């Protein structure tokens, strides 16, 4: 029998860092030189030493309305004092129903049914289950394959990892789900470098879906899932006509089309959803992050009426029509935060502010195109990426060094492999953008 040693009294202090296994973090490096955040307000984080730094990533693509919103804080406090929790399994509470109704009114077309989750990862896995349940309800249960895309990020559940296309996230976890194919990515430095907005070239890349259908037969494929704008893979706006072509091919072969809008949802493109911006109606939208301004974890799958009707109306027997859900689906505190967040978006016209901010980001960031270390700049709405030429023998070194220098200059950025990803709160100002661009240029001048 395994003997578990008793902890010594002197082994752990209240603020010891050893116990917390940090996600998506180089734990040894961080704990050797930690960056600790003590507070946040508006567009800024407040470090433990009291310094204020611009949050250039809206935390992780999610604090779209800015930090510390009094309206959201008070809504959560009031809900906790009234009804802290109820499980929505054969019970219900008003906040979840109200938020679902609000979302159905904001979503385009007949995307009128809302299934709540707790994260983007859960939203993606739930959407995949919904797709399989839909086909099974229509007598096509053999449709079990999915199509994702290279360089895509769809969370860290086994379903989302399977359809995603970022190798480092997948490599440890074996074969993942069987029967998944991947479309080619749309990044084309040769033809589309330094594009402003949607690139001109690449619509034909959507035709690879026809090849996947020919290889596997349409009757075996449940759904195609894509980010309307690639996020973690490096901010990849779709080529002009690309999403429209995917929609046409899916319709032709009876495939569902899922837009993963965990990043693009709630104003990032100047519309509530990217589906509205691109005027392409998917069969499902997955969302999270900005849904509650990240104040309480929450996600959702927004589904077209016909999918819901096929599953629910086609069910036989008294039990649940769809045997899936989470303990915290539609959590009252999260729903209250979501309602308050939507109110802020409406009352402050954050979609309109995002359109102005997006134009500012495009104008200012593309001034970096003349720097010899810059390989590409991509942007759409309040999303941008600056990609660097790799230092020989040290890929990723420039972005890591640049991040540290920009932090010293008052801007906290998210660094990828030889790129920085820009996704600030929609409340950013032109002056904030200028500070970030200035610090990036200074850092590029200073690093090797």
Protein backbone atom coordinates (compact mmCIF):
# COMPACT_ATOMS: atom_id res chain seq x y z
CA UNK A 1 0.00 0.00 0.00
CA UNK A 2 1.34 3.41 -0.99
CA UNK A 3 2.47 5.36 2.07
CA UNK A 4 1.75 9.07 1.70
CA UNK A 5 4.23 11.16 3.68
CA UNK A 6 2.91 13.72 6.11
CA UNK A 7 3.75 17.29 5.06
CA UNK A 8 6.20 19.09 7.32
CA UNK A 9 4.97 22.26 8.91
CA UNK A 10 7.85 24.21 7.39
CA UNK A 11 7.44 22.70 3.94
CA UNK A 12 4.71 25.00 2.65
CA UNK A 13 4.11 28.66 3.19
CA UNK A 14 0.82 30.36 2.41
CA UNK A 15 2.17 31.81 -0.84
CA UNK A 16 4.41 28.93 -1.87
CA UNK A 17 4.27 28.55 -5.66
CA UNK A 18 5.07 24.84 -5.81
CA UNK A 19 1.54 23.55 -5.31
CA UNK A 20 -0.06 25.25 -8.33
CA UNK A 21 0.59 23.33 -11.58
CA UNK A 22 0.04 26.19 -14.01
CA UNK A 23 -1.73 25.56 -17.34
CA UNK A 24 0.01 26.15 -20.69
CA UNK A 25 3.00 27.54 -18.79
CA UNK A 26 6.71 26.74 -18.56
CA UNK A 27 6.33 26.18 -14.82
CA UNK A 28 10.04 26.07 -13.93
CA UNK A 29 10.84 29.27 -15.82
CA UNK A 30 7.81 31.14 -14.47
CA UNK A 31 8.38 30.20 -10.86
CA UNK A 32 12.03 31.21 -11.13
CA UNK A 33 10.98 34.70 -12.22
CA UNK A 34 7.22 35.10 -11.68
CA UNK A 35 5.05 37.83 -13.15
CA UNK A 36 2.29 38.27 -10.59
CA UNK A 37 -0.84 40.32 -11.25
CA UNK A 38 -2.36 42.01 -8.21
CA UNK A 39 -5.31 43.81 -9.76
CA UNK A 40 -6.96 45.05 -12.94
CA UNK A 41 -9.06 48.01 -14.00
CA UNK A 42 -10.19 49.17 -17.41
CA UNK A 43 -7.50 48.43 -20.00
CA UNK A 44 -4.76 47.84 -17.44
CA UNK A 45 -3.34 45.16 -15.21
CA UNK A 46 -1.78 46.23 -11.92
CA UNK A 47 1.39 44.37 -11.00
CA UNK A 48 2.35 43.48 -7.44
CA UNK A 49 4.79 46.40 -7.40
CA UNK A 50 1.93 48.78 -8.24
CA UNK A 51 2.91 49.36 -11.88
CA UNK A 52 0.05 49.64 -14.38
CA UNK A 53 0.56 47.90 -17.73
CA UNK A 54 -1.75 47.73 -20.72
CA UNK A 55 -3.49 44.39 -21.18
CA UNK A 56 -2.92 43.93 -24.92
CA UNK A 57 -4.59 40.49 -25.01
CA UNK A 58 -7.81 41.18 -23.09
CA UNK A 59 -6.40 38.54 -20.71
CA UNK A 60 -6.82 35.69 -23.20
CA UNK A 61 -9.06 37.13 -25.93
CA UNK A 62 -11.87 37.45 -23.41
CA UNK A 63 -12.13 40.66 -21.33
CA UNK A 64 -13.75 42.51 -24.22
CA UNK A 65 -15.43 45.20 -22.09
CA UNK A 66 -12.35 45.94 -20.01
CA UNK A 67 -11.49 44.87 -16.48
CA UNK A 68 -13.36 45.49 -13.26
CA UNK A 69 -16.74 46.47 -14.71
CA UNK A 70 -18.89 47.59 -11.80
CA UNK A 71 -22.10 46.51 -13.55
CA UNK A 72 -20.87 42.94 -13.91
CA UNK A 73 -19.43 42.75 -10.40
CA UNK A 74 -22.68 43.96 -8.85
CA UNK A 75 -24.77 41.54 -10.92
CA UNK A 76 -22.67 38.60 -9.70
CA UNK A 77 -22.86 39.78 -6.08
CA UNK A 78 -26.63 40.22 -6.24
CA UNK A 79 -27.14 36.79 -7.80
CA UNK A 80 -24.91 35.09 -5.24
CA UNK A 81 -26.96 36.64 -2.46
CA UNK A 82 -30.25 35.49 -4.01
CA UNK A 83 -29.55 32.08 -5.56
CA UNK A 84 -25.96 30.94 -5.49
CA UNK A 85 -26.50 27.71 -7.42
CA UNK A 86 -29.04 25.34 -8.88
CA UNK A 87 -28.25 22.44 -11.19
CA UNK A 88 -30.27 22.74 -14.38
CA UNK A 89 -30.99 19.01 -14.51
CA UNK A 90 -34.80 18.87 -14.24
CA UNK A 91 -34.69 22.17 -12.35
CA UNK A 92 -34.38 25.69 -13.63
CA UNK A 93 -33.74 29.29 -12.67
CA UNK A 94 -34.55 32.52 -14.47
CA UNK A 95 -31.01 33.78 -15.24
CA UNK A 96 -30.10 30.94 -17.61
CA UNK A 97 -33.40 31.24 -19.49
CA UNK A 98 -33.04 35.01 -19.78
CA UNK A 99 -29.47 34.80 -21.07
CA UNK A 100 -30.40 32.10 -23.58
CA UNK A 101 -33.20 34.29 -24.91
CA UNK A 102 -30.88 37.28 -25.20
CA UNK A 103 -28.32 35.22 -27.12
CA UNK A 104 -30.96 33.82 -29.47
CA UNK A 105 -32.03 37.36 -30.32
CA UNK A 106 -28.44 38.41 -31.05
CA UNK A 107 -27.45 35.38 -33.11
CA UNK A 108 -28.14 35.54 -36.86
CA UNK A 109 -30.79 33.57 -38.74
CA UNK A 110 -32.52 30.73 -36.97
CA UNK A 111 -29.72 30.13 -34.46
CA UNK A 112 -32.27 30.20 -31.66
CA UNK A 113 -31.37 27.36 -29.27
CA UNK A 114 -28.67 27.69 -26.62
CA UNK A 115 -26.87 24.88 -24.78
CA UNK A 116 -24.71 26.18 -21.93
CA UNK A 117 -21.24 24.89 -21.03
CA UNK A 118 -18.40 26.22 -18.88
CA UNK A 119 -15.68 26.90 -21.45
CA UNK A 120 -14.79 26.99 -25.10
CA UNK A 121 -13.35 23.49 -24.88
CA UNK A 122 -16.64 22.14 -23.54
CA UNK A 123 -18.57 24.09 -26.16
CA UNK A 124 -16.63 22.45 -28.99
CA UNK A 125 -16.99 18.94 -27.59
CA UNK A 126 -20.70 19.59 -26.99
CA UNK A 127 -21.19 20.83 -30.56
CA UNK A 128 -19.56 17.68 -31.89
CA UNK A 129 -21.94 15.54 -29.81
CA UNK A 130 -24.90 17.60 -31.00
CA UNK A 131 -23.84 17.04 -34.61
CA UNK A 132 -23.70 13.27 -34.10
CA UNK A 133 -27.03 13.24 -32.26
CA UNK A 134 -28.65 15.26 -35.06
CA UNK A 135 -27.61 12.83 -37.76
CA UNK A 136 -28.58 9.82 -35.63
CA UNK A 137 -32.03 11.32 -35.05
CA UNK A 138 -32.47 11.54 -38.83
CA UNK A 139 -31.47 7.94 -39.43
CA UNK A 140 -27.90 8.75 -40.48
CA UNK A 141 -26.01 7.55 -37.44
CA UNK A 142 -23.09 6.50 -39.62
CA UNK A 143 -22.13 10.18 -39.97
CA UNK A 144 -19.42 10.17 -37.31
CA UNK A 145 -16.42 11.77 -38.99
CA UNK A 146 -15.35 15.38 -38.46
CA UNK A 147 -13.29 17.79 -40.50
CA UNK A 148 -11.06 20.37 -38.83
CA UNK A 149 -8.24 22.51 -40.15
CA UNK A 150 -4.49 22.79 -39.82
CA UNK A 151 -3.23 25.51 -37.42
CA UNK A 152 -6.67 25.68 -35.77
CA UNK A 153 -7.31 25.75 -32.03
CA UNK A 154 -10.52 24.26 -30.66
CA UNK A 155 -9.76 23.83 -26.98
CA UNK A 156 -8.22 20.94 -25.10
CA UNK A 157 -10.99 18.34 -24.83
CA UNK A 158 -10.39 15.15 -26.78
CA UNK A 159 -12.91 16.20 -29.40
CA UNK A 160 -11.48 19.69 -29.76
CA UNK A 161 -7.89 18.42 -29.85
CA UNK A 162 -8.84 15.94 -32.55
CA UNK A 163 -10.24 18.55 -34.93
CA UNK A 164 -7.60 21.16 -34.03
CA UNK A 165 -4.40 21.48 -35.99
CA UNK A 166 -1.68 22.69 -33.62
CA UNK A 167 0.88 19.90 -33.36
CA UNK A 168 2.44 20.77 -29.98
CA UNK A 169 -0.98 20.55 -28.30
CA UNK A 170 -1.74 17.15 -29.85
CA UNK A 171 1.52 15.22 -29.76
CA UNK A 172 1.34 13.88 -26.19
CA UNK A 173 -2.15 12.43 -26.45
CA UNK A 174 -1.92 9.61 -28.94
CA UNK A 175 -4.32 9.06 -31.81
CA UNK A 176 -7.18 11.09 -30.31
CA UNK A 177 -10.54 10.55 -32.05
CA UNK A 178 -10.54 8.36 -35.16
CA UNK A 179 -11.99 9.45 -38.47
CA UNK A 180 -10.91 13.11 -38.37
CA UNK A 181 -9.55 14.87 -41.45
CA UNK A 182 -8.02 18.34 -41.71
CA UNK A 183 -8.35 21.06 -44.28
CA UNK A 184 -5.15 22.90 -45.21
CA UNK A 185 -4.49 26.15 -43.36
CA UNK A 186 -4.91 29.45 -45.18
CA UNK A 187 -1.63 31.17 -44.25
CA UNK A 188 0.14 32.15 -47.48
CA UNK A 189 3.12 34.44 -47.01
CA UNK A 190 3.98 34.26 -50.68
CA UNK A 191 0.73 35.83 -51.91
CA UNK A 192 -0.90 37.44 -48.88
CA UNK A 193 1.84 38.92 -46.67
CA UNK A 194 0.92 42.25 -45.08
CA UNK A 195 -2.74 41.95 -46.08
CA UNK A 196 -5.08 44.44 -44.48
CA UNK A 197 -8.23 42.59 -43.52
CA UNK A 198 -9.20 39.52 -45.53
CA UNK A 199 -6.47 38.37 -47.91
CA UNK A 200 -7.19 38.30 -51.64
CA UNK A 201 -5.89 34.81 -52.36
CA UNK A 202 -6.83 31.39 -51.07
CA UNK A 203 -10.55 30.80 -51.69
CA UNK A 204 -9.59 27.64 -53.58
CA UNK A 205 -8.22 26.12 -50.35
CA UNK A 206 -11.82 25.46 -49.33
CA UNK A 207 -12.11 23.05 -52.24
CA UNK A 208 -9.94 20.60 -50.31
CA UNK A 209 -13.18 19.70 -48.56
CA UNK A 210 -14.39 18.14 -51.79
CA UNK A 211 -11.34 15.89 -51.75
CA UNK A 212 -12.02 14.84 -48.16
CA UNK A 213 -15.62 14.05 -49.11
CA UNK A 214 -14.47 12.02 -52.12
CA UNK A 215 -12.01 10.07 -49.97
CA UNK A 216 -14.41 9.27 -47.11
CA UNK A 217 -17.88 9.61 -48.69
CA UNK A 218 -20.21 12.37 -47.55
CA UNK A 219 -22.50 9.87 -45.85
CA UNK A 220 -19.85 9.28 -43.14
CA UNK A 221 -19.11 12.94 -42.28
CA UNK A 222 -21.01 14.72 -39.51
CA UNK A 223 -19.60 18.25 -39.54
CA UNK A 224 -16.88 20.69 -40.48
CA UNK A 225 -15.58 23.00 -37.75
CA UNK A 226 -13.51 26.13 -38.35
CA UNK A 227 -12.62 29.34 -36.59
CA UNK A 228 -13.96 32.15 -38.80
CA UNK A 229 -10.70 33.94 -37.98
CA UNK A 230 -7.92 31.68 -36.75
CA UNK A 231 -6.77 32.79 -33.31
CA UNK A 232 -4.07 30.92 -31.41
CA UNK A 233 -2.57 29.71 -34.70
CA UNK A 234 -1.54 33.29 -35.43
CA UNK A 235 -4.59 35.48 -36.28
CA UNK A 236 -5.53 34.11 -39.69
CA UNK A 237 -8.34 36.03 -41.41
CA UNK A 238 -10.11 33.89 -44.02
CA UNK A 239 -9.41 34.61 -47.70
CA UNK A 240 -12.20 36.43 -49.47
CA UNK A 241 -14.94 33.98 -50.40
CA UNK A 242 -13.44 31.12 -48.38
CA UNK A 243 -16.15 30.75 -45.74
CA UNK A 244 -18.86 31.15 -48.38
CA UNK A 245 -17.30 28.29 -50.35
CA UNK A 246 -17.19 26.06 -47.27
CA UNK A 247 -20.88 26.75 -46.66
CA UNK A 248 -21.72 25.82 -50.26
CA UNK A 249 -19.81 22.54 -50.10
CA UNK A 250 -21.35 21.61 -46.75
CA UNK A 251 -24.83 22.27 -48.12
CA UNK A 252 -24.08 20.21 -51.22
CA UNK A 253 -23.11 17.13 -49.16
CA UNK A 254 -25.36 17.48 -46.11
CA UNK A 255 -22.53 18.35 -43.71
CA UNK A 256 -23.09 20.61 -40.72
CA UNK A 257 -20.90 23.71 -40.50
CA UNK A 258 -19.75 24.79 -37.04
CA UNK A 259 -18.17 28.19 -36.44
CA UNK A 260 -15.93 28.20 -33.37
CA UNK A 261 -16.45 31.79 -32.22
CA UNK A 262 -14.87 31.49 -28.80
CA UNK A 263 -12.53 34.31 -29.86
CA UNK A 264 -14.52 36.18 -32.53
CA UNK A 265 -17.77 36.31 -30.57
CA UNK A 266 -19.00 39.39 -28.71
CA UNK A 267 -17.67 42.29 -30.69
CA UNK A 268 -14.19 41.31 -31.78
CA UNK A 269 -15.03 42.04 -35.46
CA UNK A 270 -17.44 44.89 -34.74
CA UNK A 271 -20.44 42.54 -34.78
CA UNK A 272 -21.77 40.27 -32.05
CA UNK A 273 -20.71 37.22 -34.04
CA UNK A 274 -18.34 36.74 -36.96
CA UNK A 275 -21.13 34.91 -38.79
CA UNK A 276 -22.86 38.26 -39.09
CA UNK A 277 -19.68 40.02 -40.23
CA UNK A 278 -19.03 37.50 -43.00
CA UNK A 279 -22.73 37.03 -43.81
CA UNK A 280 -22.33 33.25 -43.63
CA UNK A 281 -24.82 31.30 -41.52
CA UNK A 282 -23.34 28.26 -39.77
CA UNK A 283 -25.40 25.47 -38.26
CA UNK A 284 -23.86 26.00 -34.84
CA UNK A 285 -21.79 28.67 -33.10
CA UNK A 286 -19.56 27.79 -30.17
CA UNK A 287 -18.74 30.65 -27.84
CA UNK A 288 -17.30 31.43 -24.39
CA UNK A 289 -14.67 33.98 -23.23
CA UNK A 290 -16.34 37.34 -23.94
CA UNK A 291 -19.78 35.92 -23.12
CA UNK A 292 -19.31 36.88 -19.45
CA UNK A 293 -16.34 39.24 -19.96
CA UNK A 294 -14.43 36.35 -18.33
CA UNK A 295 -15.77 37.33 -14.90
CA UNK A 296 -17.25 33.84 -14.39
CA UNK A 297 -16.41 30.85 -16.61
CA UNK A 298 -19.15 30.10 -19.14
CA UNK A 299 -19.58 28.83 -22.69
CA UNK A 300 -22.44 28.05 -25.02
CA UNK A 301 -23.39 26.29 -28.22
CA UNK A 302 -25.97 28.21 -30.25
CA UNK A 303 -27.87 25.86 -32.53
CA UNK A 304 -30.24 26.24 -35.46
CA UNK A 305 -33.89 25.37 -34.83
CA UNK A 306 -33.87 22.41 -37.21
CA UNK A 307 -31.08 20.66 -35.32
CA UNK A 308 -32.80 21.10 -31.97
CA UNK A 309 -36.14 19.98 -33.40
CA UNK A 310 -34.67 16.84 -34.96
CA UNK A 311 -33.05 15.77 -31.69
CA UNK A 312 -35.79 16.78 -29.25
CA UNK A 313 -38.92 16.13 -31.30
CA UNK A 314 -37.47 12.93 -32.72
CA UNK A 315 -36.75 11.47 -29.30
CA UNK A 316 -38.76 8.49 -28.09
CA UNK A 317 -39.51 7.86 -24.42
CA UNK A 318 -39.70 9.97 -21.28
CA UNK A 319 -35.96 10.38 -20.62
CA UNK A 320 -33.66 13.21 -21.66
CA UNK A 321 -33.68 13.73 -25.41
CA UNK A 322 -29.93 14.51 -25.36
CA UNK A 323 -27.92 12.75 -22.65
CA UNK A 324 -25.25 15.36 -22.22
CA UNK A 325 -24.55 18.31 -19.95
CA UNK A 326 -22.43 19.64 -17.11
CA UNK A 327 -23.06 20.21 -13.43
CA UNK A 328 -22.59 23.93 -13.94
CA UNK A 329 -24.41 24.33 -17.29
CA UNK A 330 -26.23 27.65 -17.02
CA UNK A 331 -24.78 28.43 -13.57
CA UNK A 332 -26.79 31.33 -12.05
CA UNK A 333 -23.71 33.45 -11.32
CA UNK A 334 -22.34 32.95 -14.82
CA UNK A 335 -25.72 33.73 -16.36
CA UNK A 336 -25.99 36.91 -14.30
CA UNK A 337 -22.52 37.92 -15.47
CA UNK A 338 -23.52 37.16 -19.06
CA UNK A 339 -26.67 39.29 -18.89
CA UNK A 340 -24.74 42.19 -17.37
CA UNK A 341 -22.04 41.84 -20.01
CA UNK A 342 -24.57 41.98 -22.85
CA UNK A 343 -26.06 45.08 -21.22
CA UNK A 344 -22.65 46.78 -21.24
CA UNK A 345 -22.13 45.88 -24.89
CA UNK A 346 -25.53 47.33 -25.76
CA UNK A 347 -25.39 50.45 -23.60
CA UNK A 348 -21.87 51.43 -24.66
CA UNK A 349 -22.14 50.29 -28.29
CA UNK A 350 -18.99 48.21 -27.98
CA UNK A 351 -19.56 46.80 -31.48
CA UNK A 352 -19.40 50.32 -32.86
CA UNK A 353 -16.31 51.10 -30.77
CA UNK A 354 -14.69 47.92 -32.06
CA UNK A 355 -15.16 49.02 -35.66
CA UNK A 356 -13.37 52.30 -34.91
CA UNK A 357 -10.66 50.55 -32.90
CA UNK A 358 -10.15 47.95 -35.64
CA UNK A 359 -9.42 50.69 -38.18
CA UNK A 360 -6.95 52.27 -35.74
CA UNK A 361 -5.17 48.95 -35.17
CA UNK A 362 -4.88 48.38 -38.92
CA UNK A 363 -3.49 51.85 -39.59
CA UNK A 364 -0.98 51.88 -36.74
CA UNK A 365 0.25 48.29 -36.76
CA UNK A 366 0.97 48.26 -40.47
CA UNK A 367 3.48 51.06 -39.91
CA UNK A 368 5.73 48.28 -38.57
CA UNK A 369 5.88 46.70 -42.04
CA UNK A 370 9.08 48.58 -42.85
CA UNK A 371 11.04 46.97 -40.03
CA UNK A 372 13.58 44.41 -41.31
CA UNK A 373 12.75 41.92 -38.56
CA UNK A 374 9.02 41.89 -39.44
CA UNK A 375 7.93 39.09 -41.77
CA UNK A 376 4.18 39.69 -41.88
CA UNK A 377 1.32 41.63 -40.30
CA UNK A 378 -2.24 40.30 -40.32
CA UNK A 379 -5.35 41.98 -38.96
CA UNK A 380 -9.11 41.95 -38.97
CA UNK A 381 -11.32 43.84 -36.54
CA UNK A 382 -9.78 44.03 -33.08
CA UNK A 383 -7.37 41.20 -33.87
CA UNK A 384 -3.85 41.41 -35.24
CA UNK A 385 -0.57 39.52 -35.37
CA UNK A 386 2.95 40.75 -36.00
CA UNK A 387 5.16 37.92 -37.22
CA UNK A 388 8.95 38.09 -37.10
CA UNK A 389 11.71 36.46 -39.07
CA UNK A 390 13.13 33.69 -36.90
CA UNK A 391 16.56 34.13 -35.43
CA UNK A 392 18.79 31.45 -36.87
CA UNK A 393 18.95 28.49 -34.52
CA UNK A 394 16.59 30.06 -31.98
CA UNK A 395 12.97 30.02 -33.14
CA UNK A 396 10.70 31.92 -30.78
CA UNK A 397 13.54 33.78 -29.07
CA UNK A 398 12.68 37.15 -30.60
CA UNK A 399 9.06 37.08 -29.48
CA UNK A 400 10.01 36.09 -25.93
CA UNK A 401 12.59 38.86 -25.67
CA UNK A 402 10.24 41.38 -27.25
CA UNK A 403 7.52 40.53 -24.73
CA UNK A 404 9.84 41.30 -21.82
CA UNK A 405 10.97 44.61 -23.30
CA UNK A 406 7.40 45.68 -24.02
CA UNK A 407 6.44 44.82 -20.45
CA UNK A 408 9.17 47.15 -19.25
CA UNK A 409 7.63 49.82 -21.50
CA UNK A 410 4.14 49.37 -20.09
CA UNK A 411 2.48 46.82 -22.41
CA UNK A 412 1.80 43.16 -21.57
CA UNK A 413 1.62 41.16 -24.82
CA UNK A 414 1.01 37.53 -25.66
CA UNK A 415 3.97 36.02 -27.47
CA UNK A 416 3.76 33.04 -29.80
CA UNK A 417 6.53 31.42 -31.82
CA UNK A 418 8.09 34.43 -33.52
CA UNK A 419 4.91 36.46 -33.34
CA UNK A 420 2.86 38.57 -30.96
CA UNK A 421 -0.91 38.32 -30.96
CA UNK A 422 -2.96 41.47 -30.46
CA UNK A 423 -6.50 41.26 -29.05
CA UNK A 424 -7.06 44.13 -26.62
CA UNK A 425 -10.29 45.08 -24.86
CA UNK A 426 -12.72 46.83 -27.17
CA UNK A 427 -12.34 49.84 -24.88
CA UNK A 428 -8.74 50.47 -26.00
CA UNK A 429 -8.00 53.98 -27.25
CA UNK A 430 -5.89 55.27 -30.13
CA UNK A 431 -3.34 56.36 -27.53
CA UNK A 432 -3.21 52.82 -26.13
CA UNK A 433 -2.61 51.41 -29.61
CA UNK A 434 0.14 53.94 -30.21
CA UNK A 435 1.90 52.98 -26.98
CA UNK A 436 1.87 49.30 -27.97
CA UNK A 437 3.15 49.94 -31.51
CA UNK A 438 5.85 52.27 -30.20
CA UNK A 439 7.04 49.70 -27.67
CA UNK A 440 7.11 46.92 -30.28
CA UNK A 441 9.25 49.05 -32.58
CA UNK A 442 11.63 49.99 -29.77
CA UNK A 443 11.93 46.36 -28.76
CA UNK A 444 12.58 45.21 -32.34
CA UNK A 445 15.32 47.82 -32.63
CA UNK A 446 16.92 46.63 -29.39
CA UNK A 447 16.85 42.83 -29.71
CA UNK A 448 19.21 40.81 -31.86
